[in-house]
Amino acid sequence: MAKSYESEITQFLQDLKQRRPNLESEQKQGRARLWDKTIDPELVEGFKAGTVPQKPYVYQTED
């Protein structure tokens, strides 16, 4: 493979970044809004305490 080869995907991404130079910052803002959250340990413990044990096969009728 020649060293100057660039796949279509690479060319597309480079073109996209040139057309939208603030794309990476927008992606980081979206990630921060959806995923980068602080977790309240007390709330997590409450969720764990409120779980109901599940049977191994949930569709089996009780006999």
C-alpha atoms as a PDB file:
ATOM      1  CA  MET A   1       0.000   0.000   0.000  1.00  0.00           C
ATOM      2  CA  ALA A   2       1.341   3.403  -0.931  1.00  0.00           C
ATOM      3  CA  LYS A   3       2.065   5.871   1.840  1.00  0.00           C
ATOM      4  CA  SER A   4      -0.075   8.545   0.202  1.00  0.00           C
ATOM      5  CA  TYR A   5      -3.208   6.378   0.239  1.00  0.00           C
ATOM      6  CA  GLU A   6      -6.190   7.697   2.197  1.00  0.00           C
ATOM      7  CA  SER A   7      -9.418   5.789   2.502  1.00  0.00           C
ATOM      8  CA  GLU A   8     -12.758   7.321   1.596  1.00  0.00           C
ATOM      9  CA  ILE A   9     -13.670   7.433   5.282  1.00  0.00           C
ATOM     10  CA  THR A  10     -10.529   9.392   6.133  1.00  0.00           C
ATOM     11  CA  GLN A  11     -11.182  11.815   3.303  1.00  0.00           C
ATOM     12  CA  PHE A  12     -14.795  12.240   4.420  1.00  0.00           C
ATOM     13  CA  LEU A  13     -13.783  12.946   8.023  1.00  0.00           C
ATOM     14  CA  GLN A  14     -11.133  15.448   6.985  1.00  0.00           C
ATOM     15  CA  ASP A  15     -13.630  17.223   4.720  1.00  0.00           C
ATOM     16  CA  LEU A  16     -16.229  17.239   7.487  1.00  0.00           C
ATOM     17  CA  LYS A  17     -13.771  18.748   9.969  1.00  0.00           C
ATOM     18  CA  GLN A  18     -12.822  21.445   7.448  1.00  0.00           C
ATOM     19  CA  ARG A  19     -16.471  22.336   6.819  1.00  0.00           C
ATOM     20  CA  ARG A  20     -17.368  22.283  10.530  1.00  0.00           C
ATOM     21  CA  PRO A  21     -14.277  23.308  12.539  1.00  0.00           C
ATOM     22  CA  ASN A  22     -16.189  23.364  15.850  1.00  0.00           C
ATOM     23  CA  LEU A  23     -17.489  19.800  15.438  1.00  0.00           C
ATOM     24  CA  GLU A  24     -15.227  18.303  18.122  1.00  0.00           C
ATOM     25  CA  SER A  25     -16.232  20.888  20.712  1.00  0.00           C
ATOM     26  CA  GLU A  26     -19.910  20.221  19.924  1.00  0.00           C
ATOM     27  CA  GLN A  27     -19.318  16.497  20.415  1.00  0.00           C
ATOM     28  CA  LYS A  28     -17.651  17.135  23.776  1.00  0.00           C
ATOM     29  CA  GLN A  29     -20.560  19.328  24.882  1.00  0.00           C
ATOM     30  CA  GLY A  30     -23.027  16.616  23.901  1.00  0.00           C
ATOM     31  CA  ARG A  31     -21.073  13.997  25.798  1.00  0.00           C
ATOM     32  CA  ALA A  32     -20.909  16.198  28.883  1.00  0.00           C
ATOM     33  CA  ARG A  33     -24.669  16.772  28.716  1.00  0.00           C
ATOM     34  CA  LEU A  34     -25.528  13.079  28.437  1.00  0.00           C
ATOM     35  CA  TRP A  35     -22.766  11.030  30.041  1.00  0.00           C
ATOM     36  CA  ASP A  36     -20.343  12.993  32.205  1.00  0.00           C
ATOM     37  CA  LYS A  37     -22.476  13.183  35.331  1.00  0.00           C
ATOM     38  CA  THR A  38     -21.629  12.931  38.980  1.00  0.00           C
ATOM     39  CA  ILE A  39     -23.293  10.000  40.706  1.00  0.00           C
ATOM     40  CA  ASP A  40     -24.875  10.391  44.130  1.00  0.00           C
ATOM     41  CA  PRO A  41     -23.736   7.368  46.207  1.00  0.00           C
ATOM     42  CA  GLU A  42     -26.781   7.551  48.491  1.00  0.00           C
ATOM     43  CA  LEU A  43     -29.102   7.424  45.504  1.00  0.00           C
ATOM     44  CA  VAL A  44     -27.267   4.389  44.106  1.00  0.00           C
ATOM     45  CA  GLU A  45     -27.579   2.592  47.444  1.00  0.00           C
ATOM     46  CA  GLY A  46     -31.308   3.340  47.456  1.00  0.00           C
ATOM     47  CA  PHE A  47     -31.675   1.829  43.997  1.00  0.00           C
ATOM     48  CA  LYS A  48     -29.771  -1.284  45.064  1.00  0.00           C
ATOM     49  CA  ALA A  49     -31.905  -1.660  48.191  1.00  0.00           C
ATOM     50  CA  GLY A  50     -35.101  -1.347  46.154  1.00  0.00           C
ATOM     51  CA  THR A  51     -34.397  -4.189  43.730  1.00  0.00           C
ATOM     52  CA  VAL A  52     -36.554  -7.297  43.746  1.00  0.00           C
ATOM     53  CA  PRO A  53     -34.866 -10.670  43.231  1.00  0.00           C
ATOM     54  CA  GLN A  54     -35.720 -12.180  39.870  1.00  0.00           C
ATOM     55  CA  LYS A  55     -36.363 -15.857  39.233  1.00  0.00           C
ATOM     56  CA  PRO A  56     -33.924 -17.662  36.919  1.00  0.00           C
ATOM     57  CA  TYR A  57     -36.600 -18.200  34.263  1.00  0.00           C
ATOM     58  CA  VAL A  58     -39.088 -15.348  34.431  1.00  0.00           C
ATOM     59  CA  TYR A  59     -41.695 -16.896  32.112  1.00  0.00           C
ATOM     60  CA  GLN A  60     -42.147 -20.089  34.117  1.00  0.00           C
ATOM     61  CA  THR A  61     -45.467 -20.331  35.925  1.00  0.00           C
ATOM     62  CA  GLU A  62     -45.497 -21.196  39.591  1.00  0.00           C
ATOM     63  CA  ASP A  63     -46.465 -24.777  40.352  1.00  0.00           C
END
